[in-house]
Amino acid sequence: MFKQFKTNRASHKQGRSFLKDESGASAIEYGLILGLIFLVVITAWQRVGTAQEEQYDKISTAVDDATS
């Protein structure tokens, strides 16, 4: 019976120290920041890709017009 009490007390103490530990919170914050940076990069990449596609279309049209 006392052994079980010691085990419960130890797990309770570990639970309290886990709740006080804030190192996981900073990891989550870094993850959120990284996610936002990723979204910004993907959006910029798509816009650059669209602009390049428009330029290639203009060049293609100009070449087609010049050769016909």
C-alpha atoms as a PDB file:
ATOM      1  CA  MET A   1       0.000   0.000   0.000  1.00  0.00           C
ATOM      2  CA  PHE A   2       2.807   2.444   0.837  1.00  0.00           C
ATOM      3  CA  LYS A   3       4.620   1.569  -2.369  1.00  0.00           C
ATOM      4  CA  GLN A   4       1.575   2.611  -4.397  1.00  0.00           C
ATOM      5  CA  PHE A   5       1.342   5.863  -2.421  1.00  0.00           C
ATOM      6  CA  LYS A   6       4.983   6.666  -3.220  1.00  0.00           C
ATOM      7  CA  THR A   7       4.382   5.942  -6.902  1.00  0.00           C
ATOM      8  CA  ASN A   8       1.311   8.194  -7.050  1.00  0.00           C
ATOM      9  CA  ARG A   9       3.168  10.928  -5.193  1.00  0.00           C
ATOM     10  CA  ALA A  10       6.107  10.681  -7.595  1.00  0.00           C
ATOM     11  CA  SER A  11       3.850  10.827 -10.658  1.00  0.00           C
ATOM     12  CA  HIS A  12       2.004  13.815  -9.159  1.00  0.00           C
ATOM     13  CA  LYS A  13       5.335  15.578  -8.629  1.00  0.00           C
ATOM     14  CA  GLN A  14       6.361  14.826 -12.217  1.00  0.00           C
ATOM     15  CA  GLY A  15       3.014  16.122 -13.460  1.00  0.00           C
ATOM     16  CA  ARG A  16       3.491  19.407 -11.628  1.00  0.00           C
ATOM     17  CA  SER A  17       7.006  19.845 -12.974  1.00  0.00           C
ATOM     18  CA  PHE A  18       5.695  19.060 -16.476  1.00  0.00           C
ATOM     19  CA  LEU A  19       3.045  21.775 -16.187  1.00  0.00           C
ATOM     20  CA  LYS A  20       5.595  24.317 -14.946  1.00  0.00           C
ATOM     21  CA  ASP A  21       8.040  23.529 -17.769  1.00  0.00           C
ATOM     22  CA  GLU A  22       7.697  26.147 -20.516  1.00  0.00           C
ATOM     23  CA  SER A  23      10.295  24.801 -22.941  1.00  0.00           C
ATOM     24  CA  GLY A  24       7.584  23.104 -24.996  1.00  0.00           C
ATOM     25  CA  ALA A  25       5.742  26.401 -25.368  1.00  0.00           C
ATOM     26  CA  SER A  26       8.727  28.020 -27.047  1.00  0.00           C
ATOM     27  CA  ALA A  27       9.000  25.040 -29.416  1.00  0.00           C
ATOM     28  CA  ILE A  28       5.361  25.541 -30.387  1.00  0.00           C
ATOM     29  CA  GLU A  29       5.959  29.255 -30.921  1.00  0.00           C
ATOM     30  CA  TYR A  30       8.928  28.512 -33.176  1.00  0.00           C
ATOM     31  CA  GLY A  31       6.763  26.052 -35.088  1.00  0.00           C
ATOM     32  CA  LEU A  32       4.061  28.658 -35.623  1.00  0.00           C
ATOM     33  CA  ILE A  33       6.593  31.246 -36.776  1.00  0.00           C
ATOM     34  CA  LEU A  34       8.117  28.721 -39.165  1.00  0.00           C
ATOM     35  CA  GLY A  35       4.653  27.915 -40.528  1.00  0.00           C
ATOM     36  CA  LEU A  36       3.916  31.577 -41.186  1.00  0.00           C
ATOM     37  CA  ILE A  37       7.270  32.059 -42.912  1.00  0.00           C
ATOM     38  CA  PHE A  38       6.528  29.011 -45.053  1.00  0.00           C
ATOM     39  CA  LEU A  39       3.168  30.467 -46.107  1.00  0.00           C
ATOM     40  CA  VAL A  40       4.779  33.782 -47.055  1.00  0.00           C
ATOM     41  CA  VAL A  41       7.466  32.023 -49.102  1.00  0.00           C
ATOM     42  CA  ILE A  42       4.923  29.844 -50.934  1.00  0.00           C
ATOM     43  CA  THR A  43       2.735  32.867 -51.724  1.00  0.00           C
ATOM     44  CA  ALA A  44       5.719  34.842 -53.039  1.00  0.00           C
ATOM     45  CA  TRP A  45       6.866  31.847 -55.086  1.00  0.00           C
ATOM     46  CA  GLN A  46       3.434  31.538 -56.707  1.00  0.00           C
ATOM     47  CA  ARG A  47       3.344  35.237 -57.587  1.00  0.00           C
ATOM     48  CA  VAL A  48       6.805  35.096 -59.135  1.00  0.00           C
ATOM     49  CA  GLY A  49       5.790  31.986 -61.073  1.00  0.00           C
ATOM     50  CA  THR A  50       2.687  33.720 -62.426  1.00  0.00           C
ATOM     51  CA  ALA A  51       4.719  36.764 -63.473  1.00  0.00           C
ATOM     52  CA  GLN A  52       7.272  34.548 -65.237  1.00  0.00           C
ATOM     53  CA  GLU A  53       4.521  32.654 -67.027  1.00  0.00           C
ATOM     54  CA  GLU A  54       3.093  35.935 -68.335  1.00  0.00           C
ATOM     55  CA  GLN A  55       6.543  36.977 -69.603  1.00  0.00           C
ATOM     56  CA  TYR A  56       7.060  33.651 -71.392  1.00  0.00           C
ATOM     57  CA  ASP A  57       3.604  33.963 -72.964  1.00  0.00           C
ATOM     58  CA  LYS A  58       4.479  37.459 -74.271  1.00  0.00           C
ATOM     59  CA  ILE A  59       7.787  36.200 -75.668  1.00  0.00           C
ATOM     60  CA  SER A  60       6.086  33.206 -77.279  1.00  0.00           C
ATOM     61  CA  THR A  61       3.453  35.414 -78.877  1.00  0.00           C
ATOM     62  CA  ALA A  62       6.112  37.816 -80.162  1.00  0.00           C
ATOM     63  CA  VAL A  63       8.125  34.947 -81.650  1.00  0.00           C
ATOM     64  CA  ASP A  64       5.022  33.452 -83.259  1.00  0.00           C
ATOM     65  CA  ASP A  65       4.055  36.823 -84.743  1.00  0.00           C
ATOM     66  CA  ALA A  66       7.579  37.408 -86.036  1.00  0.00           C
ATOM     67  CA  THR A  67       7.835  33.999 -87.708  1.00  0.00           C
ATOM     68  CA  SER A  68       4.419  34.019 -89.390  1.00  0.00           C
END
